[in-house]
Amino acid sequence: HNPIVWFEIYVDDIARAKSFYENVLQITLTSLLDPTEENESS
């Protein structure tokens, strides 16, 4: 199987980064819930 199962690209301005990848790759990114389920997570 492929050894990579997930990747994360850390960003400072999430809206700006989302716009960049959507425009360059012509895709739509979707919001994910915090997997740690912490109510006050940043």
PDB file of all heavy atoms in Angstrom:
ATOM      1  N   HIS A   1       0.842  -1.193   0.000  1.00  0.00           N
ATOM      2  CA  HIS A   1       0.000   0.000   0.000  1.00  0.00           C
ATOM      3  C   HIS A   1       0.885   1.254   0.000  1.00  0.00           C
ATOM      4  O   HIS A   1       2.075   1.171   0.254  1.00  0.00           O
ATOM      5  CB  HIS A   1      -0.915   0.010   1.224  1.00  0.00           C
ATOM      6  CG  HIS A   1      -0.149   0.032   2.519  1.00  0.00           C
ATOM      7  ND1 HIS A   1       0.406  -1.099   3.064  1.00  0.00           N
ATOM      8  CD2 HIS A   1       0.184   1.045   3.347  1.00  0.00           C
ATOM      9  CE1 HIS A   1       1.033  -0.776   4.190  1.00  0.00           C
ATOM     10  NE2 HIS A   1       0.922   0.522   4.376  1.00  0.00           N
ATOM     11  N   ASN A   2       0.270   2.386  -0.308  1.00  0.00           N
ATOM     12  CA  ASN A   2       1.021   3.636  -0.273  1.00  0.00           C
ATOM     13  C   ASN A   2       1.320   3.996   1.182  1.00  0.00           C
ATOM     14  O   ASN A   2       0.435   3.918   2.039  1.00  0.00           O
ATOM     15  CB  ASN A   2       0.227   4.759  -0.917  1.00  0.00           C
ATOM     16  CG  ASN A   2       0.095   4.555  -2.419  1.00  0.00           C
ATOM     17  OD1 ASN A   2       0.993   4.022  -3.045  1.00  0.00           O
ATOM     18  ND2 ASN A   2      -1.025   4.970  -2.972  1.00  0.00           N
ATOM     19  N   PRO A   3       2.555   4.393   1.501  1.00  0.00           N
ATOM     20  CA  PRO A   3       2.925   4.646   2.888  1.00  0.00           C
ATOM     21  C   PRO A   3       2.367   5.950   3.464  1.00  0.00           C
ATOM     22  O   PRO A   3       2.322   6.109   4.672  1.00  0.00           O
ATOM     23  CB  PRO A   3       4.449   4.682   2.855  1.00  0.00           C
ATOM     24  CG  PRO A   3       4.788   5.086   1.473  1.00  0.00           C
ATOM     25  CD  PRO A   3       3.709   4.515   0.606  1.00  0.00           C
ATOM     26  N   ILE A   4       1.950   6.880   2.628  1.00  0.00           N
ATOM     27  CA  ILE A   4       1.414   8.146   3.122  1.00  0.00           C
ATOM     28  C   ILE A   4      -0.101   8.038   3.207  1.00  0.00           C
ATOM     29  O   ILE A   4      -0.766   7.709   2.227  1.00  0.00           O
ATOM     30  CB  ILE A   4       1.796   9.314   2.194  1.00  0.00           C
ATOM     31  CG1 ILE A   4       3.299   9.380   1.984  1.00  0.00           C
ATOM     32  CG2 ILE A   4       1.238  10.632   2.716  1.00  0.00           C
ATOM     33  CD1 ILE A   4       4.109   9.618   3.246  1.00  0.00           C
ATOM     34  N   VAL A   5      -0.649   8.347   4.371  1.00  0.00           N
ATOM     35  CA  VAL A   5      -2.100   8.266   4.536  1.00  0.00           C
ATOM     36  C   VAL A   5      -2.737   9.634   4.754  1.00  0.00           C
ATOM     37  O   VAL A   5      -3.946   9.783   4.639  1.00  0.00           O
ATOM     38  CB  VAL A   5      -2.500   7.337   5.700  1.00  0.00           C
ATOM     39  CG1 VAL A   5      -2.058   5.913   5.423  1.00  0.00           C
ATOM     40  CG2 VAL A   5      -1.946   7.832   7.020  1.00  0.00           C
ATOM     41  N   TRP A   6      -1.925  10.655   5.074  1.00  0.00           N
ATOM     42  CA  TRP A   6      -2.483  11.973   5.357  1.00  0.00           C
ATOM     43  C   TRP A   6      -1.354  12.981   5.319  1.00  0.00           C
ATOM     44  O   TRP A   6      -0.200  12.637   5.585  1.00  0.00           O
ATOM     45  CB  TRP A   6      -3.119  11.982   6.745  1.00  0.00           C
ATOM     46  CG  TRP A   6      -3.828  13.251   7.095  1.00  0.00           C
ATOM     47  CD1 TRP A   6      -3.374  14.229   7.939  1.00  0.00           C
ATOM     48  CD2 TRP A   6      -5.092  13.696   6.641  1.00  0.00           C
ATOM     49  NE1 TRP A   6      -4.282  15.249   8.031  1.00  0.00           N
ATOM     50  CE2 TRP A   6      -5.363  14.944   7.237  1.00  0.00           C
ATOM     51  CE3 TRP A   6      -6.040  13.161   5.761  1.00  0.00           C
ATOM     52  CZ2 TRP A   6      -6.525  15.662   7.000  1.00  0.00           C
ATOM     53  CZ3 TRP A   6      -7.205  13.874   5.529  1.00  0.00           C
ATOM     54  CH2 TRP A   6      -7.444  15.101   6.149  1.00  0.00           C
ATOM     55  N   PHE A   7      -1.653  14.221   4.977  1.00  0.00           N
ATOM     56  CA  PHE A   7      -0.665  15.290   5.083  1.00  0.00           C
ATOM     57  C   PHE A   7      -1.355  16.536   5.605  1.00  0.00           C
ATOM     58  O   PHE A   7      -2.572  16.675   5.492  1.00  0.00           O
ATOM     59  CB  PHE A   7       0.040  15.569   3.746  1.00  0.00           C
ATOM     60  CG  PHE A   7      -0.849  16.176   2.689  1.00  0.00           C
ATOM     61  CD1 PHE A   7      -1.058  17.550   2.635  1.00  0.00           C
ATOM     62  CD2 PHE A   7      -1.465  15.375   1.745  1.00  0.00           C
ATOM     63  CE1 PHE A   7      -1.869  18.109   1.660  1.00  0.00           C
ATOM     64  CE2 PHE A   7      -2.282  15.918   0.766  1.00  0.00           C
ATOM     65  CZ  PHE A   7      -2.486  17.300   0.729  1.00  0.00           C
ATOM     66  N   GLU A   8      -0.589  17.409   6.199  1.00  0.00           N
ATOM     67  CA  GLU A   8      -1.085  18.694   6.670  1.00  0.00           C
ATOM     68  C   GLU A   8      -0.091  19.773   6.262  1.00  0.00           C
ATOM     69  O   GLU A   8       1.125  19.571   6.367  1.00  0.00           O
ATOM     70  CB  GLU A   8      -1.251  18.714   8.191  1.00  0.00           C
ATOM     71  CG  GLU A   8      -2.313  17.742   8.653  1.00  0.00           C
ATOM     72  CD  GLU A   8      -2.471  17.672  10.161  1.00  0.00           C
ATOM     73  OE1 GLU A   8      -1.610  18.199  10.903  1.00  0.00           O
ATOM     74  OE2 GLU A   8      -3.464  17.074  10.598  1.00  0.00           O
ATOM     75  N   ILE A   9      -0.606  20.880   5.768  1.00  0.00           N
ATOM     76  CA  ILE A   9       0.205  22.029   5.406  1.00  0.00           C
ATOM     77  C   ILE A   9      -0.175  23.136   6.382  1.00  0.00           C
ATOM     78  O   ILE A   9      -1.308  23.632   6.356  1.00  0.00           O
ATOM     79  CB  ILE A   9      -0.061  22.474   3.952  1.00  0.00           C
ATOM     80  CG1 ILE A   9       0.255  21.334   2.973  1.00  0.00           C
ATOM     81  CG2 ILE A   9       0.736  23.736   3.633  1.00  0.00           C
ATOM     82  CD1 ILE A   9      -0.167  21.614   1.540  1.00  0.00           C
ATOM     83  N   TYR A  10       0.741  23.508   7.253  1.00  0.00           N
ATOM     84  CA  TYR A  10       0.440  24.514   8.267  1.00  0.00           C
ATOM     85  C   TYR A  10       0.500  25.919   7.663  1.00  0.00           C
ATOM     86  O   TYR A  10       1.412  26.240   6.900  1.00  0.00           O
ATOM     87  CB  TYR A  10       1.393  24.369   9.453  1.00  0.00           C
ATOM     88  CG  TYR A  10       0.943  23.220  10.328  1.00  0.00           C
ATOM     89  CD1 TYR A  10       1.181  21.906   9.949  1.00  0.00           C
ATOM     90  CD2 TYR A  10       0.228  23.457  11.490  1.00  0.00           C
ATOM     91  CE1 TYR A  10       0.730  20.850  10.717  1.00  0.00           C
ATOM     92  CE2 TYR A  10      -0.223  22.406  12.270  1.00  0.00           C
ATOM     93  CZ  TYR A  10       0.031  21.104  11.880  1.00  0.00           C
ATOM     94  OH  TYR A  10      -0.431  20.057  12.631  1.00  0.00           O
ATOM     95  N   VAL A  11      -0.491  26.726   8.014  1.00  0.00           N
ATOM     96  CA  VAL A  11      -0.652  28.058   7.450  1.00  0.00           C
ATOM     97  C   VAL A  11      -0.939  29.068   8.558  1.00  0.00           C
ATOM     98  O   VAL A  11      -1.408  28.705   9.632  1.00  0.00           O
ATOM     99  CB  VAL A  11      -1.784  28.080   6.393  1.00  0.00           C
ATOM    100  CG1 VAL A  11      -1.488  27.078   5.274  1.00  0.00           C
ATOM    101  CG2 VAL A  11      -3.138  27.775   7.003  1.00  0.00           C
ATOM    102  N   ASP A  12      -0.647  30.339   8.277  1.00  0.00           N
ATOM    103  CA  ASP A  12      -0.958  31.403   9.226  1.00  0.00           C
ATOM    104  C   ASP A  12      -2.304  32.046   8.920  1.00  0.00           C
ATOM    105  O   ASP A  12      -3.074  32.354   9.818  1.00  0.00           O
ATOM    106  CB  ASP A  12       0.136  32.471   9.207  1.00  0.00           C
ATOM    107  CG  ASP A  12       1.460  31.934   9.731  1.00  0.00           C
ATOM    108  OD1 ASP A  12       1.445  31.123  10.677  1.00  0.00           O
ATOM    109  OD2 ASP A  12       2.505  32.319   9.181  1.00  0.00           O
ATOM    110  N   ASP A  13      -2.602  32.261   7.651  1.00  0.00           N
ATOM    111  CA  ASP A  13      -3.859  32.882   7.232  1.00  0.00           C
ATOM    112  C   ASP A  13      -4.649  31.844   6.447  1.00  0.00           C
ATOM    113  O   ASP A  13      -4.439  31.654   5.249  1.00  0.00           O
ATOM    114  CB  ASP A  13      -3.559  34.119   6.390  1.00  0.00           C
ATOM    115  CG  ASP A  13      -4.804  34.900   6.005  1.00  0.00           C
ATOM    116  OD1 ASP A  13      -5.878  34.284   5.834  1.00  0.00           O
ATOM    117  OD2 ASP A  13      -4.686  36.130   5.872  1.00  0.00           O
ATOM    118  N   ILE A  14      -5.545  31.152   7.136  1.00  0.00           N
ATOM    119  CA  ILE A  14      -6.249  30.014   6.535  1.00  0.00           C
ATOM    120  C   ILE A  14      -7.122  30.426   5.342  1.00  0.00           C
ATOM    121  O   ILE A  14      -7.181  29.717   4.350  1.00  0.00           O
ATOM    122  CB  ILE A  14      -7.062  29.227   7.600  1.00  0.00           C
ATOM    123  CG1 ILE A  14      -7.505  27.856   7.060  1.00  0.00           C
ATOM    124  CG2 ILE A  14      -8.242  30.006   8.104  1.00  0.00           C
ATOM    125  CD1 ILE A  14      -6.659  26.724   7.471  1.00  0.00           C
ATOM    126  N   ALA A  15      -7.765  31.581   5.411  1.00  0.00           N
ATOM    127  CA  ALA A  15      -8.611  32.025   4.299  1.00  0.00           C
ATOM    128  C   ALA A  15      -7.762  32.315   3.058  1.00  0.00           C
ATOM    129  O   ALA A  15      -8.129  31.939   1.943  1.00  0.00           O
ATOM    130  CB  ALA A  15      -9.417  33.260   4.703  1.00  0.00           C
ATOM    131  N   ARG A  16      -6.623  32.964   3.260  1.00  0.00           N
ATOM    132  CA  ARG A  16      -5.724  33.287   2.145  1.00  0.00           C
ATOM    133  C   ARG A  16      -5.168  31.998   1.532  1.00  0.00           C
ATOM    134  O   ARG A  16      -5.143  31.837   0.316  1.00  0.00           O
ATOM    135  CB  ARG A  16      -4.603  34.184   2.649  1.00  0.00           C
ATOM    136  CG  ARG A  16      -3.571  34.556   1.602  1.00  0.00           C
ATOM    137  CD  ARG A  16      -2.507  35.480   2.159  1.00  0.00           C
ATOM    138  NE  ARG A  16      -1.736  34.813   3.216  1.00  0.00           N
ATOM    139  CZ  ARG A  16      -1.003  35.461   4.119  1.00  0.00           C
ATOM    140  NH1 ARG A  16      -0.945  36.780   4.115  1.00  0.00           N
ATOM    141  NH2 ARG A  16      -0.319  34.793   5.023  1.00  0.00           N
ATOM    142  N   ALA A  17      -4.738  31.064   2.368  1.00  0.00           N
ATOM    143  CA  ALA A  17      -4.181  29.803   1.875  1.00  0.00           C
ATOM    144  C   ALA A  17      -5.247  28.980   1.156  1.00  0.00           C
ATOM    145  O   ALA A  17      -4.986  28.379   0.105  1.00  0.00           O
ATOM    146  CB  ALA A  17      -3.580  29.005   3.020  1.00  0.00           C
ATOM    147  N   LYS A  18      -6.456  28.945   1.697  1.00  0.00           N
ATOM    148  CA  LYS A  18      -7.559  28.213   1.065  1.00  0.00           C
ATOM    149  C   LYS A  18      -7.816  28.767  -0.331  1.00  0.00           C
ATOM    150  O   LYS A  18      -7.929  28.018  -1.305  1.00  0.00           O
ATOM    151  CB  LYS A  18      -8.820  28.309   1.930  1.00  0.00           C
ATOM    152  CG  LYS A  18     -10.032  27.610   1.361  1.00  0.00           C
ATOM    153  CD  LYS A  18     -11.214  27.744   2.344  1.00  0.00           C
ATOM    154  CE  LYS A  18     -12.452  27.043   1.866  1.00  0.00           C
ATOM    155  NZ  LYS A  18     -13.132  27.753   0.766  1.00  0.00           N
ATOM    156  N   SER A  19      -7.858  30.083  -0.449  1.00  0.00           N
ATOM    157  CA  SER A  19      -8.076  30.722  -1.743  1.00  0.00           C
ATOM    158  C   SER A  19      -6.956  30.378  -2.720  1.00  0.00           C
ATOM    159  O   SER A  19      -7.201  30.078  -3.891  1.00  0.00           O
ATOM    160  CB  SER A  19      -8.176  32.234  -1.555  1.00  0.00           C
ATOM    161  OG  SER A  19      -8.291  32.875  -2.805  1.00  0.00           O
ATOM    162  N   PHE A  20      -5.708  30.393  -2.251  1.00  0.00           N
ATOM    163  CA  PHE A  20      -4.562  30.071  -3.105  1.00  0.00           C
ATOM    164  C   PHE A  20      -4.703  28.670  -3.701  1.00  0.00           C
ATOM    165  O   PHE A  20      -4.633  28.484  -4.917  1.00  0.00           O
ATOM    166  CB  PHE A  20      -3.259  30.175  -2.304  1.00  0.00           C
ATOM    167  CG  PHE A  20      -2.044  29.724  -3.076  1.00  0.00           C
ATOM    168  CD1 PHE A  20      -1.412  30.584  -3.965  1.00  0.00           C
ATOM    169  CD2 PHE A  20      -1.534  28.448  -2.922  1.00  0.00           C
ATOM    170  CE1 PHE A  20      -0.294  30.173  -4.684  1.00  0.00           C
ATOM    171  CE2 PHE A  20      -0.416  28.030  -3.629  1.00  0.00           C
ATOM    172  CZ  PHE A  20       0.199  28.900  -4.513  1.00  0.00           C
ATOM    173  N   TYR A  21      -4.902  27.661  -2.865  1.00  0.00           N
ATOM    174  CA  TYR A  21      -4.968  26.280  -3.363  1.00  0.00           C
ATOM    175  C   TYR A  21      -6.201  26.048  -4.223  1.00  0.00           C
ATOM    176  O   TYR A  21      -6.133  25.340  -5.227  1.00  0.00           O
ATOM    177  CB  TYR A  21      -4.895  25.281  -2.204  1.00  0.00           C
ATOM    178  CG  TYR A  21      -3.494  25.167  -1.663  1.00  0.00           C
ATOM    179  CD1 TYR A  21      -3.092  25.870  -0.533  1.00  0.00           C
ATOM    180  CD2 TYR A  21      -2.540  24.382  -2.307  1.00  0.00           C
ATOM    181  CE1 TYR A  21      -1.794  25.790  -0.054  1.00  0.00           C
ATOM    182  CE2 TYR A  21      -1.235  24.291  -1.838  1.00  0.00           C
ATOM    183  CZ  TYR A  21      -0.877  25.003  -0.709  1.00  0.00           C
ATOM    184  OH  TYR A  21       0.413  24.919  -0.245  1.00  0.00           O
ATOM    185  N   GLU A  22      -7.323  26.641  -3.863  1.00  0.00           N
ATOM    186  CA  GLU A  22      -8.516  26.484  -4.691  1.00  0.00           C
ATOM    187  C   GLU A  22      -8.315  27.109  -6.065  1.00  0.00           C
ATOM    188  O   GLU A  22      -8.731  26.532  -7.072  1.00  0.00           O
ATOM    189  CB  GLU A  22      -9.732  27.096  -3.985  1.00  0.00           C
ATOM    190  CG  GLU A  22     -10.207  26.270  -2.818  1.00  0.00           C
ATOM    191  CD  GLU A  22     -11.414  26.831  -2.100  1.00  0.00           C
ATOM    192  OE1 GLU A  22     -11.638  28.067  -2.145  1.00  0.00           O
ATOM    193  OE2 GLU A  22     -12.139  26.036  -1.478  1.00  0.00           O
ATOM    194  N   ASN A  23      -7.662  28.262  -6.124  1.00  0.00           N
ATOM    195  CA  ASN A  23      -7.431  28.924  -7.413  1.00  0.00           C
ATOM    196  C   ASN A  23      -6.389  28.216  -8.256  1.00  0.00           C
ATOM    197  O   ASN A  23      -6.577  28.016  -9.452  1.00  0.00           O
ATOM    198  CB  ASN A  23      -7.031  30.390  -7.190  1.00  0.00           C
ATOM    199  CG  ASN A  23      -8.231  31.248  -6.885  1.00  0.00           C
ATOM    200  OD1 ASN A  23      -9.144  31.324  -7.687  1.00  0.00           O
ATOM    201  ND2 ASN A  23      -8.240  31.859  -5.721  1.00  0.00           N
ATOM    202  N   VAL A  24      -5.273  27.824  -7.669  1.00  0.00           N
ATOM    203  CA  VAL A  24      -4.202  27.184  -8.436  1.00  0.00           C
ATOM    204  C   VAL A  24      -4.615  25.797  -8.906  1.00  0.00           C
ATOM    205  O   VAL A  24      -4.422  25.436 -10.072  1.00  0.00           O
ATOM    206  CB  VAL A  24      -2.896  27.117  -7.615  1.00  0.00           C
ATOM    207  CG1 VAL A  24      -1.850  26.242  -8.309  1.00  0.00           C
ATOM    208  CG2 VAL A  24      -2.339  28.523  -7.376  1.00  0.00           C
ATOM    209  N   LEU A  25      -5.195  24.985  -8.020  1.00  0.00           N
ATOM    210  CA  LEU A  25      -5.537  23.603  -8.361  1.00  0.00           C
ATOM    211  C   LEU A  25      -6.951  23.443  -8.918  1.00  0.00           C
ATOM    212  O   LEU A  25      -7.318  22.355  -9.359  1.00  0.00           O
ATOM    213  CB  LEU A  25      -5.364  22.704  -7.133  1.00  0.00           C
ATOM    214  CG  LEU A  25      -3.946  22.654  -6.553  1.00  0.00           C
ATOM    215  CD1 LEU A  25      -3.934  21.834  -5.262  1.00  0.00           C
ATOM    216  CD2 LEU A  25      -2.956  22.103  -7.564  1.00  0.00           C
ATOM    217  N   GLN A  26      -7.752  24.535  -8.888  1.00  0.00           N
ATOM    218  CA  GLN A  26      -9.137  24.490  -9.372  1.00  0.00           C
ATOM    219  C   GLN A  26      -9.935  23.398  -8.663  1.00  0.00           C
ATOM    220  O   GLN A  26     -10.555  22.529  -9.290  1.00  0.00           O
ATOM    221  CB  GLN A  26      -9.175  24.304 -10.893  1.00  0.00           C
ATOM    222  CG  GLN A  26      -8.517  25.442 -11.656  1.00  0.00           C
ATOM    223  CD  GLN A  26      -9.301  26.735 -11.594  1.00  0.00           C
ATOM    224  OE1 GLN A  26     -10.312  26.851 -12.257  1.00  0.00           O
ATOM    225  NE2 GLN A  26      -8.843  27.696 -10.790  1.00  0.00           N
ATOM    226  N   ILE A  27      -9.898  23.422  -7.322  1.00  0.00           N
ATOM    227  CA  ILE A  27     -10.595  22.471  -6.467  1.00  0.00           C
ATOM    228  C   ILE A  27     -11.363  23.237  -5.399  1.00  0.00           C
ATOM    229  O   ILE A  27     -11.217  24.456  -5.282  1.00  0.00           O
ATOM    230  CB  ILE A  27      -9.614  21.496  -5.769  1.00  0.00           C
ATOM    231  CG1 ILE A  27      -8.587  22.292  -4.935  1.00  0.00           C
ATOM    232  CG2 ILE A  27      -8.931  20.588  -6.791  1.00  0.00           C
ATOM    233  CD1 ILE A  27      -7.703  21.443  -4.054  1.00  0.00           C
ATOM    234  N   THR A  28     -12.159  22.526  -4.617  1.00  0.00           N
ATOM    235  CA  THR A  28     -12.851  23.115  -3.477  1.00  0.00           C
ATOM    236  C   THR A  28     -12.415  22.382  -2.215  1.00  0.00           C
ATOM    237  O   THR A  28     -12.510  21.154  -2.145  1.00  0.00           O
ATOM    238  CB  THR A  28     -14.387  22.992  -3.645  1.00  0.00           C
ATOM    239  OG1 THR A  28     -14.757  23.675  -4.848  1.00  0.00           O
ATOM    240  CG2 THR A  28     -15.115  23.594  -2.461  1.00  0.00           C
ATOM    241  N   LEU A  29     -11.916  23.127  -1.246  1.00  0.00           N
ATOM    242  CA  LEU A  29     -11.563  22.555   0.048  1.00  0.00           C
ATOM    243  C   LEU A  29     -12.782  22.634   0.954  1.00  0.00           C
ATOM    244  O   LEU A  29     -13.566  23.589   0.866  1.00  0.00           O
ATOM    245  CB  LEU A  29     -10.386  23.311   0.673  1.00  0.00           C
ATOM    246  CG  LEU A  29      -9.013  22.947   0.114  1.00  0.00           C
ATOM    247  CD1 LEU A  29      -8.781  23.591  -1.229  1.00  0.00           C
ATOM    248  CD2 LEU A  29      -7.938  23.339   1.076  1.00  0.00           C
ATOM    249  N   THR A  30     -12.946  21.628   1.816  1.00  0.00           N
ATOM    250  CA  THR A  30     -14.107  21.597   2.707  1.00  0.00           C
ATOM    251  C   THR A  30     -13.672  21.665   4.165  1.00  0.00           C
ATOM    252  O   THR A  30     -12.627  21.129   4.542  1.00  0.00           O
ATOM    253  CB  THR A  30     -14.937  20.322   2.489  1.00  0.00           C
ATOM    254  OG1 THR A  30     -14.096  19.178   2.643  1.00  0.00           O
ATOM    255  CG2 THR A  30     -15.549  20.292   1.099  1.00  0.00           C
ATOM    256  N   SER A  31     -14.485  22.304   4.965  1.00  0.00           N
ATOM    257  CA  SER A  31     -14.193  22.472   6.381  1.00  0.00           C
ATOM    258  C   SER A  31     -14.227  21.129   7.104  1.00  0.00           C
ATOM    259  O   SER A  31     -15.100  20.300   6.862  1.00  0.00           O
ATOM    260  CB  SER A  31     -15.224  23.416   6.999  1.00  0.00           C
ATOM    261  OG  SER A  31     -14.950  23.619   8.357  1.00  0.00           O
ATOM    262  N   LEU A  32     -13.258  20.923   8.001  1.00  0.00           N
ATOM    263  CA  LEU A  32     -13.221  19.727   8.847  1.00  0.00           C
ATOM    264  C   LEU A  32     -13.390  20.145  10.300  1.00  0.00           C
ATOM    265  O   LEU A  32     -12.888  21.190  10.716  1.00  0.00           O
ATOM    266  CB  LEU A  32     -11.869  19.010   8.735  1.00  0.00           C
ATOM    267  CG  LEU A  32     -11.553  18.256   7.477  1.00  0.00           C
ATOM    268  CD1 LEU A  32     -10.170  17.623   7.587  1.00  0.00           C
ATOM    269  CD2 LEU A  32     -12.578  17.183   7.213  1.00  0.00           C
ATOM    270  N   LEU A  33     -14.051  19.315  11.071  1.00  0.00           N
ATOM    271  CA  LEU A  33     -14.164  19.557  12.502  1.00  0.00           C
ATOM    272  C   LEU A  33     -12.859  19.203  13.182  1.00  0.00           C
ATOM    273  O   LEU A  33     -12.109  18.346  12.724  1.00  0.00           O
ATOM    274  CB  LEU A  33     -15.299  18.727  13.094  1.00  0.00           C
ATOM    275  CG  LEU A  33     -16.699  19.038  12.569  1.00  0.00           C
ATOM    276  CD1 LEU A  33     -17.713  18.069  13.167  1.00  0.00           C
ATOM    277  CD2 LEU A  33     -17.086  20.474  12.879  1.00  0.00           C
ATOM    278  N   ASP A  34     -12.580  19.835  14.311  1.00  0.00           N
ATOM    279  CA  ASP A  34     -11.388  19.542  15.101  1.00  0.00           C
ATOM    280  C   ASP A  34     -11.467  18.090  15.567  1.00  0.00           C
ATOM    281  O   ASP A  34     -12.380  17.720  16.296  1.00  0.00           O
ATOM    282  CB  ASP A  34     -11.328  20.495  16.291  1.00  0.00           C
ATOM    283  CG  ASP A  34     -10.103  20.301  17.159  1.00  0.00           C
ATOM    284  OD1 ASP A  34      -9.402  19.280  17.006  1.00  0.00           O
ATOM    285  OD2 ASP A  34      -9.858  21.164  17.998  1.00  0.00           O
ATOM    286  N   PRO A  35     -10.517  17.230  15.153  1.00  0.00           N
ATOM    287  CA  PRO A  35     -10.581  15.817  15.522  1.00  0.00           C
ATOM    288  C   PRO A  35     -10.339  15.553  17.003  1.00  0.00           C
ATOM    289  O   PRO A  35     -10.644  14.471  17.488  1.00  0.00           O
ATOM    290  CB  PRO A  35      -9.488  15.176  14.671  1.00  0.00           C
ATOM    291  CG  PRO A  35      -8.552  16.275  14.362  1.00  0.00           C
ATOM    292  CD  PRO A  35      -9.381  17.535  14.308  1.00  0.00           C
ATOM    293  N   THR A  36      -9.833  16.533  17.729  1.00  0.00           N
ATOM    294  CA  THR A  36      -9.591  16.332  19.157  1.00  0.00           C
ATOM    295  C   THR A  36     -10.841  16.608  19.986  1.00  0.00           C
ATOM    296  O   THR A  36     -10.856  16.363  21.177  1.00  0.00           O
ATOM    297  CB  THR A  36      -8.454  17.239  19.664  1.00  0.00           C
ATOM    298  OG1 THR A  36      -8.844  18.613  19.521  1.00  0.00           O
ATOM    299  CG2 THR A  36      -7.171  16.970  18.904  1.00  0.00           C
ATOM    300  N   GLU A  37     -11.866  17.159  19.326  1.00  0.00           N
ATOM    301  CA  GLU A  37     -13.154  17.444  19.967  1.00  0.00           C
ATOM    302  C   GLU A  37     -13.050  18.416  21.140  1.00  0.00           C
ATOM    303  O   GLU A  37     -13.910  18.444  22.014  1.00  0.00           O
ATOM    304  CB  GLU A  37     -13.851  16.160  20.398  1.00  0.00           C
ATOM    305  CG  GLU A  37     -14.145  15.234  19.229  1.00  0.00           C
ATOM    306  CD  GLU A  37     -14.817  13.947  19.636  1.00  0.00           C
ATOM    307  OE1 GLU A  37     -15.362  13.865  20.746  1.00  0.00           O
ATOM    308  OE2 GLU A  37     -14.797  13.024  18.829  1.00  0.00           O
ATOM    309  N   GLU A  38     -12.010  19.234  21.172  1.00  0.00           N
ATOM    310  CA  GLU A  38     -11.894  20.250  22.204  1.00  0.00           C
ATOM    311  C   GLU A  38     -12.799  21.413  21.827  1.00  0.00           C
ATOM    312  O   GLU A  38     -12.721  21.942  20.736  1.00  0.00           O
ATOM    313  CB  GLU A  38     -10.446  20.730  22.328  1.00  0.00           C
ATOM    314  CG  GLU A  38      -9.511  19.653  22.812  1.00  0.00           C
ATOM    315  CD  GLU A  38      -8.063  20.139  22.851  1.00  0.00           C
ATOM    316  OE1 GLU A  38      -7.823  21.348  22.779  1.00  0.00           O
ATOM    317  OE2 GLU A  38      -7.191  19.266  22.947  1.00  0.00           O
ATOM    318  N   ASN A  39     -13.664  21.810  22.738  1.00  0.00           N
ATOM    319  CA  ASN A  39     -14.635  22.860  22.450  1.00  0.00           C
ATOM    320  C   ASN A  39     -13.996  24.218  22.199  1.00  0.00           C
ATOM    321  O   ASN A  39     -14.507  25.016  21.432  1.00  0.00           O
ATOM    322  CB  ASN A  39     -15.654  22.980  23.591  1.00  0.00           C
ATOM    323  CG  ASN A  39     -16.545  21.749  23.666  1.00  0.00           C
ATOM    324  OD1 ASN A  39     -16.786  21.101  22.664  1.00  0.00           O
ATOM    325  ND2 ASN A  39     -17.024  21.433  24.845  1.00  0.00           N
ATOM    326  N   GLU A  40     -12.881  24.508  22.836  1.00  0.00           N
ATOM    327  CA  GLU A  40     -12.280  25.821  22.695  1.00  0.00           C
ATOM    328  C   GLU A  40     -10.943  25.756  21.942  1.00  0.00           C
ATOM    329  O   GLU A  40     -10.053  26.546  22.194  1.00  0.00           O
ATOM    330  CB  GLU A  40     -12.108  26.453  24.069  1.00  0.00           C
ATOM    331  CG  GLU A  40     -13.452  26.671  24.753  1.00  0.00           C
ATOM    332  CD  GLU A  40     -13.344  27.483  26.022  1.00  0.00           C
ATOM    333  OE1 GLU A  40     -12.433  28.323  26.125  1.00  0.00           O
ATOM    334  OE2 GLU A  40     -14.179  27.276  26.899  1.00  0.00           O
ATOM    335  N   SER A  41     -10.831  24.860  21.004  1.00  0.00           N
ATOM    336  CA  SER A  41      -9.602  24.694  20.237  1.00  0.00           C
ATOM    337  C   SER A  41      -9.421  25.847  19.263  1.00  0.00           C
ATOM    338  O   SER A  41     -10.383  26.405  18.747  1.00  0.00           O
ATOM    339  CB  SER A  41      -9.645  23.377  19.464  1.00  0.00           C
ATOM    340  OG  SER A  41      -8.536  23.276  18.618  1.00  0.00           O
ATOM    341  N   SER A  42      -8.164  26.188  19.001  1.00  0.00           N
ATOM    342  CA  SER A  42      -7.849  27.223  18.018  1.00  0.00           C
ATOM    343  C   SER A  42      -7.582  26.601  16.648  1.00  0.00           C
ATOM    344  O   SER A  42      -7.125  27.280  15.745  1.00  0.00           O
ATOM    345  CB  SER A  42      -6.618  27.997  18.474  1.00  0.00           C
ATOM    346  OG  SER A  42      -5.492  27.137  18.510  1.00  0.00           O
TER     347      SER A  42
END
